[in-house]
Amino acid sequence: MFKAVTLERRHGQMTLKQAATIGTPTGVLTAGTITDGISVARALRVLCDDNEIKENNIAGSISGEKVFAQTDALPSEYEKAVEQFVERQAERVIPYAIESTSWGYEEDDNWSEKKILWVASPAEQVDWLRESVGLSGKSVKVIQPQVCALANLYSYNYKPRRGEVVLLLNVGARHMSIVLMSGETMLYGRDCAIAKDWISAESDALSDRVWRALSEHWDAINERGEPSLIRLSGGGAGSRELVDNLPELCGIQINQLDPFRRVDYLRGSVVSKVVAQHGSSLGIAIGLALSGFKDL
């Protein structure tokens, strides 16, 4: 499902101005990557026209198992060669050629030692998104991995204490985003599949599928920081079975990640109906929209 939101800030209060969804056209995504830009553009035009979303500048997300994000300490010998360091780190992790990679980084000043948050994805994935949105008549101004949008959402709504290690899980029907946070720093971010198809999505308990996928990242997560809490978002966050059983599987307390903890919306409005129906599933879109405000 495609989701679109617009945010506005009045007197310091962030407000959800518009929110809308539309079903994902069949066959436009393969392993999280756009492969039919024309159908995506058509769906985006319908979504915006039907809901009178007039903003031309868009923040969009990329996701999938080929998207990587993590924070690494910068060795002293690379202080004047940060790009070289990021390229070296990416080459160690990504399963595709660095020449076909779109990557970026930013310095994290919240630590005593210099740390670098870097992200990488196949360049064609970024190009597909930009071209597909362009076909709809809109313009992509920000492209972020979905895990970064989830980190934005959490940091803005919860203002976590420095050193507070929390694991964020955005659980969908077939895919999940994993983000390990220490305060407002994203230590580790990955997307993974929790079902190969709709048949397998219904064959096992959601908690079992989530735990199997999470287990593949468990060592990497705990090497960077042992989480004291898991916060759930996405459509799967409303699963009672997941909330009840996942703590027993992973040994960690679970709470919901509330996208509207510090984001207001008008009760009784059209927006409130979308929130009531889709709630936590709007979190990634809100996190993307927050990226447009540089002074949060």
Protein backbone atom coordinates (compact mmCIF):
# COMPACT_ATOMS: atom_id res chain seq x y z
CA MET A 1 0.00 0.00 0.00
CA PHE A 2 1.26 3.48 -0.93
CA LYS A 3 0.86 6.14 1.75
CA ALA A 4 1.11 9.92 1.54
CA VAL A 5 1.05 12.51 4.31
CA THR A 6 1.71 16.22 4.59
CA LEU A 7 2.80 17.90 7.80
CA GLU A 8 2.67 21.52 8.86
CA ARG A 9 4.07 23.27 11.91
CA ARG A 10 2.14 25.98 13.69
CA HIS A 11 3.44 27.67 16.82
CA GLY A 12 5.87 24.82 17.38
CA GLN A 13 3.22 22.08 17.06
CA MET A 14 3.62 19.52 14.28
CA THR A 15 0.25 18.68 12.74
CA LEU A 16 -0.82 16.01 10.28
CA LYS A 17 -2.47 18.10 7.58
CA GLN A 18 -3.30 15.35 5.06
CA ALA A 19 -3.10 11.57 5.03
CA ALA A 20 -4.15 9.15 2.31
CA THR A 21 -3.49 5.63 1.08
CA ILE A 22 -3.91 3.65 -2.12
CA GLY A 23 -3.38 -0.01 -2.89
CA THR A 24 -0.07 -0.93 -4.49
CA PRO A 25 -0.64 -1.88 -8.15
CA THR A 26 0.05 -5.54 -8.83
CA GLY A 27 3.56 -6.32 -9.97
CA VAL A 28 5.14 -2.88 -9.55
CA LEU A 29 7.53 -4.00 -6.81
CA THR A 30 10.04 -6.84 -6.85
CA ALA A 31 11.80 -7.50 -3.52
CA GLY A 32 10.96 -3.94 -2.48
CA THR A 33 12.31 -2.39 -5.69
CA ILE A 34 10.17 -0.50 -8.22
CA THR A 35 10.08 -2.32 -11.56
CA ASP A 36 7.06 -0.66 -13.18
CA GLY A 37 7.51 3.09 -12.89
CA ILE A 38 4.54 3.96 -15.11
CA SER A 39 2.06 2.15 -12.85
CA VAL A 40 3.65 3.72 -9.78
CA ALA A 41 3.33 7.19 -11.34
CA ARG A 42 -0.29 6.56 -12.26
CA ALA A 43 -1.12 5.41 -8.72
CA LEU A 44 0.66 8.42 -7.23
CA ARG A 45 -1.29 10.82 -9.45
CA VAL A 46 -4.59 9.21 -8.45
CA LEU A 47 -3.62 9.29 -4.77
CA CYS A 48 -2.71 12.98 -4.86
CA ASP A 49 -5.57 14.11 -7.12
CA ASP A 50 -8.29 12.25 -5.22
CA ASN A 51 -7.07 13.65 -1.91
CA GLU A 52 -6.17 17.15 -3.16
CA ILE A 53 -2.53 16.79 -2.17
CA LYS A 54 -1.00 19.66 -4.12
CA GLU A 55 2.58 19.69 -2.84
CA ASN A 56 5.00 19.10 -5.69
CA ASN A 57 8.08 18.30 -3.62
CA ILE A 58 8.17 14.77 -2.24
CA ALA A 59 10.27 12.83 0.25
CA GLY A 60 10.31 9.19 -0.81
CA SER A 61 11.71 6.02 0.70
CA ILE A 62 13.63 3.05 -0.63
CA SER A 63 13.61 -0.32 1.10
CA GLY A 64 14.52 -3.95 0.68
CA GLU A 65 17.23 -6.39 1.63
CA LYS A 66 19.78 -4.57 -0.55
CA VAL A 67 19.43 -1.34 1.45
CA PHE A 68 21.97 -0.93 4.26
CA ALA A 69 22.37 1.62 7.03
CA GLN A 70 24.64 1.65 10.06
CA THR A 71 26.81 3.87 12.23
CA ASP A 72 30.52 3.12 12.55
CA ALA A 73 33.30 4.76 14.53
CA LEU A 74 35.64 6.76 12.31
CA PRO A 75 39.30 5.72 12.79
CA SER A 76 41.70 8.61 13.32
CA GLU A 77 43.56 7.81 10.10
CA TYR A 78 40.36 8.51 8.12
CA GLU A 79 39.49 11.88 9.71
CA LYS A 80 40.38 13.65 6.48
CA ALA A 81 39.18 10.85 4.20
CA VAL A 82 35.63 10.14 5.33
CA GLU A 83 34.38 9.21 1.86
CA GLN A 84 37.15 6.66 1.53
CA PHE A 85 36.17 5.18 4.91
CA VAL A 86 32.49 4.95 3.97
CA GLU A 87 33.33 3.30 0.65
CA ARG A 88 35.53 0.78 2.46
CA GLN A 89 32.80 -0.02 4.99
CA ALA A 90 30.17 -0.39 2.27
CA GLU A 91 32.37 -2.73 0.25
CA ARG A 92 32.67 -4.98 3.29
CA VAL A 93 28.92 -5.27 3.74
CA ILE A 94 27.00 -4.88 0.48
CA PRO A 95 26.57 -7.92 -1.83
CA TYR A 96 26.90 -5.92 -5.06
CA ALA A 97 29.58 -3.87 -6.77
CA ILE A 98 30.41 -0.51 -5.21
CA GLU A 99 30.41 0.98 -8.72
CA SER A 100 26.65 0.35 -8.96
CA THR A 101 25.93 1.69 -5.48
CA SER A 102 24.26 4.89 -4.38
CA TRP A 103 25.63 5.81 -0.98
CA GLY A 104 25.82 8.72 1.41
CA TYR A 105 26.78 9.59 4.95
CA GLU A 106 26.54 12.12 7.74
CA GLU A 107 28.68 12.72 10.80
CA ASP A 108 27.14 12.03 14.21
CA ASP A 109 28.30 14.53 16.83
CA ASN A 110 26.48 12.92 19.77
CA TRP A 111 29.48 10.82 20.79
CA SER A 112 32.89 11.50 22.30
CA GLU A 113 34.49 9.69 19.36
CA LYS A 114 33.54 10.66 15.83
CA LYS A 115 30.97 8.34 14.28
CA ILE A 116 29.61 8.15 10.75
CA LEU A 117 26.10 7.10 9.75
CA TRP A 118 26.28 5.71 6.22
CA VAL A 119 23.62 4.31 3.90
CA ALA A 120 23.90 2.34 0.68
CA SER A 121 21.56 0.86 -1.91
CA PRO A 122 21.68 -0.16 -5.56
CA ALA A 123 21.85 3.01 -7.66
CA GLU A 124 19.11 1.71 -9.93
CA GLN A 125 16.71 1.63 -6.97
CA VAL A 126 17.22 5.34 -6.35
CA ASP A 127 16.94 6.10 -10.07
CA TRP A 128 13.70 4.12 -10.41
CA LEU A 129 12.13 6.06 -7.54
CA ARG A 130 13.18 9.44 -8.88
CA GLU A 131 12.02 8.64 -12.41
CA SER A 132 8.71 7.11 -11.31
CA VAL A 133 7.82 10.12 -9.18
CA GLY A 134 8.89 12.42 -12.01
CA LEU A 135 6.43 10.69 -14.35
CA SER A 136 3.64 11.61 -11.94
CA GLY A 137 4.47 15.31 -12.25
CA LYS A 138 6.03 15.51 -8.79
CA SER A 139 9.67 16.03 -7.83
CA VAL A 140 11.68 13.98 -5.33
CA LYS A 141 13.64 16.32 -3.07
CA VAL A 142 14.57 13.77 -0.39
CA ILE A 143 15.27 10.04 -0.81
CA GLN A 144 15.80 8.09 2.38
CA PRO A 145 16.01 4.43 3.29
CA GLN A 146 12.85 3.37 5.07
CA VAL A 147 14.91 2.54 8.15
CA CYS A 148 16.06 6.19 8.35
CA ALA A 149 12.45 7.37 8.20
CA LEU A 150 11.64 5.02 11.07
CA ALA A 151 14.56 6.44 13.06
CA ASN A 152 13.30 9.99 12.36
CA LEU A 153 9.84 9.07 13.58
CA TYR A 154 11.11 7.58 16.82
CA SER A 155 13.61 10.37 17.57
CA TYR A 156 11.06 13.14 17.06
CA ASN A 157 8.25 11.53 19.01
CA TYR A 158 10.24 10.17 21.95
CA LYS A 159 13.34 12.39 22.30
CA PRO A 160 15.21 9.38 23.74
CA ARG A 161 17.95 9.80 26.32
CA ARG A 162 21.54 9.41 25.18
CA GLY A 163 22.61 5.80 25.59
CA GLU A 164 19.04 4.46 25.78
CA VAL A 165 19.16 1.43 23.46
CA VAL A 166 15.84 0.52 21.81
CA LEU A 167 15.02 -1.80 18.92
CA LEU A 168 12.39 -0.58 16.44
CA LEU A 169 10.45 -3.04 14.30
CA ASN A 170 8.13 -1.86 11.54
CA VAL A 171 6.18 -5.02 10.69
CA GLY A 172 4.20 -5.36 7.49
CA ALA A 173 2.44 -8.32 5.93
CA ARG A 174 5.55 -9.64 4.17
CA HIS A 175 8.43 -7.36 5.10
CA MET A 176 9.94 -5.84 8.24
CA SER A 177 12.31 -2.97 8.94
CA ILE A 178 14.77 -3.35 11.81
CA VAL A 179 16.36 -0.31 13.45
CA LEU A 180 18.62 -0.31 16.50
CA MET A 181 18.74 3.09 18.22
CA SER A 182 21.01 4.45 20.93
CA GLY A 183 19.43 7.73 21.93
CA GLU A 184 18.83 9.50 18.63
CA THR A 185 21.62 7.63 16.83
CA MET A 186 20.74 4.78 14.47
CA LEU A 187 23.33 2.09 15.09
CA TYR A 188 21.97 -0.50 12.65
CA GLY A 189 19.20 -0.54 10.04
CA ARG A 190 18.07 -3.36 7.75
CA ASP A 191 14.98 -4.55 5.87
CA CYS A 192 14.11 -8.22 5.67
CA ALA A 193 11.38 -10.52 4.39
CA ILE A 194 9.09 -12.26 6.86
CA ALA A 195 7.15 -14.14 4.16
CA LYS A 196 7.99 -15.05 0.57
CA ASP A 197 4.39 -14.78 -0.60
CA TRP A 198 0.84 -14.36 0.70
CA ILE A 199 0.43 -18.12 1.20
CA SER A 200 3.48 -18.37 3.44
CA ALA A 201 2.39 -15.19 5.22
CA GLU A 202 -0.70 -17.03 6.44
CA SER A 203 0.91 -20.39 7.19
CA ASP A 204 2.88 -19.47 10.34
CA ALA A 205 2.18 -17.31 13.37
CA LEU A 206 3.35 -13.74 12.84
CA SER A 207 5.51 -13.85 15.98
CA ASP A 208 7.37 -16.93 14.66
CA ARG A 209 8.00 -15.32 11.27
CA VAL A 210 9.19 -12.08 12.86
CA TRP A 211 11.50 -13.91 15.26
CA ARG A 212 13.01 -16.08 12.51
CA ALA A 213 13.83 -12.99 10.45
CA LEU A 214 15.07 -11.06 13.47
CA SER A 215 17.28 -13.95 14.56
CA GLU A 216 19.37 -13.55 11.41
CA HIS A 217 20.35 -10.07 12.62
CA TRP A 218 20.45 -10.80 16.35
CA ASP A 219 24.24 -11.15 16.68
CA ALA A 220 24.87 -7.94 14.72
CA ILE A 221 22.32 -6.11 16.86
CA ASN A 222 23.77 -7.24 20.18
CA GLU A 223 27.33 -6.50 19.07
CA ARG A 224 26.32 -2.86 18.70
CA GLY A 225 24.14 -2.53 21.80
CA GLU A 226 21.78 -4.77 23.73
CA PRO A 227 18.25 -3.32 23.49
CA SER A 228 16.23 -2.95 26.67
CA LEU A 229 12.93 -2.44 24.80
CA ILE A 230 11.32 -3.19 21.45
CA ARG A 231 8.89 -0.70 19.93
CA LEU A 232 6.51 -1.97 17.24
CA SER A 233 5.01 -0.05 14.34
CA GLY A 234 3.47 -0.92 10.97
CA GLY A 235 0.35 -2.90 10.19
CA GLY A 236 1.60 -5.89 12.18
CA ALA A 237 1.92 -3.82 15.35
CA GLY A 238 -1.79 -4.33 15.99
CA SER A 239 -1.41 -8.12 16.14
CA ARG A 240 -2.27 -9.35 19.63
CA GLU A 241 -0.52 -12.61 18.87
CA LEU A 242 2.72 -10.79 18.02
CA VAL A 243 2.57 -8.55 21.09
CA ASP A 244 1.87 -11.49 23.39
CA ASN A 245 4.36 -14.02 22.01
CA LEU A 246 7.38 -12.09 20.71
CA PRO A 247 8.61 -11.08 24.22
CA GLU A 248 8.84 -14.76 25.16
CA LEU A 249 10.82 -15.53 22.01
CA CYS A 250 13.35 -12.70 22.32
CA GLY A 251 13.27 -12.03 26.07
CA ILE A 252 12.63 -8.28 25.68
CA GLN A 253 9.65 -6.16 26.69
CA ILE A 254 7.54 -4.78 23.83
CA ASN A 255 5.65 -1.49 23.56
CA GLN A 256 3.96 0.26 20.65
CA LEU A 257 5.68 3.05 18.74
CA ASP A 258 3.10 5.85 18.62
CA PRO A 259 3.55 7.98 15.46
CA PHE A 260 1.23 10.61 16.95
CA ARG A 261 2.88 11.06 20.34
CA ARG A 262 4.03 14.55 19.31
CA VAL A 263 2.22 14.84 15.96
CA ASP A 264 -1.30 16.21 16.33
CA TYR A 265 -4.28 15.89 13.98
CA LEU A 266 -7.81 17.29 13.93
CA ARG A 267 -10.25 14.88 15.51
CA GLY A 268 -13.42 14.29 13.53
CA SER A 269 -11.72 15.24 10.26
CA VAL A 270 -11.03 13.18 7.14
CA VAL A 271 -7.46 12.80 8.38
CA SER A 272 -8.67 11.33 11.67
CA LYS A 273 -10.56 8.63 9.77
CA VAL A 274 -7.38 7.64 7.93
CA VAL A 275 -5.51 7.58 11.25
CA ALA A 276 -8.20 5.43 12.83
CA GLN A 277 -8.04 2.95 9.97
CA HIS A 278 -4.30 2.82 9.33
CA GLY A 279 -2.75 4.24 12.51
CA SER A 280 0.74 2.85 13.00
CA SER A 281 1.09 2.06 9.28
CA LEU A 282 1.49 5.78 8.60
CA GLY A 283 4.67 5.96 10.67
CA ILE A 284 7.19 5.62 7.84
CA ALA A 285 5.43 8.32 5.78
CA ILE A 286 5.42 10.65 8.79
CA GLY A 287 9.11 9.97 9.40
CA LEU A 288 9.83 10.89 5.79
CA ALA A 289 7.82 14.10 6.03
CA LEU A 290 9.70 15.05 9.22
CA SER A 291 12.95 14.92 7.25
CA GLY A 292 11.81 18.07 5.44
CA PHE A 293 12.07 20.10 8.65
CA LYS A 294 15.74 20.83 9.21
CA ASP A 295 15.52 22.36 12.68
CA LEU A 296 13.75 19.62 14.66
